[in-house]
């Protein structure tokens, strides 16, 4: 009996040793490069995300404003890129007359002084709107951005043309219509932009993502469902050293609070994904709310120093200077306002 127990113990110890070596991050090659931040919506007004659903109006629940920017505007995208964002995430919507605007919501009622579906309006109608009209931090007592953003809903071409050469976009297809990929491609062509050469990326529903892959076979394009499947499969099977088929050439999402669950994190995992042309994005902690990016700059310190993939952030105005202080061009007034806002937010989150 003792000999049997000894043999079993030896086999288990050997298996544990092999498992440990197979997934040892420190035995993997040191990843090349540094973390690359994806700034969600560019600089935007953060809001209370508790209980927020797909169609919840968020402009009327913002925190006290601490900078002057609104999401998905030319000014917001350019300042974010200037301060070090590797990519700025933007949301696209076609207009009734075949144009393409950058705007988050399906409807105009929440943020603007208009109403109805964005897709039912012409570009001329959208350009007449005040996109800062609905923002309030005090339940409607004051509206700090009213009158300041009339005509500021940009077209895709305006944003793409304004970007410097190194500027990159993460373009979000919000609909399931594959035809939107063709519209984006036509607007890209109109401004002479090749998304592969520019380093742009796309994400969204399967329909437009599959179509954009047909149009640009070498572009980074992914959808959330496939990324979730990759992450789940890797947590389940990654201990074997085998990269699941769902991850090969695809995108993996790693929540900040579950890094420990990903086998070989970070160096070994990165090597496996890079071997098959995959990408890795770290997002904020997952829990009761919908997944989101990092909201506090100190969360960047929880990511291993050797990580060279992408980090999705919600507050680029504070996260970017924390990672790239040499690009911080904020005034002292902006820095003081951001620091005060961070202290208020730390008390809530």
Foldseek 3Di string as FASTA:
>chain_A
DVVVVVVVVVVVVVVVVVLCVLQALVVFDQDDAFAAEEAEQAAAFAFDQVPDDPQDQGQAGGADDLDDDHGQFLVRLQLLVLLGHQAYEWEWDAACVLFIWTDDHQFQPRQWPDTDGRRDHDLVVVQQIQRQARHDNPRPPDRVRPPPCRSGTGTPLVNVLSDDQQYEYEYEYADLALVVLVSVVVSCVVNVHDNLNNLYEYEYHPNVQVSNCVVPVRHHYAYDVLQVVQQVVQLVPVSVSDRDPSLQLEEHEAELVCQVSGGSPPNSVVVVSVVRNYAYEYAYHDDDGDTGHDEALVSVVSHDRSDRGYGYYHRSLHNSCSVVVVSDPDDPSSVVSVVVVNVVVVVVD
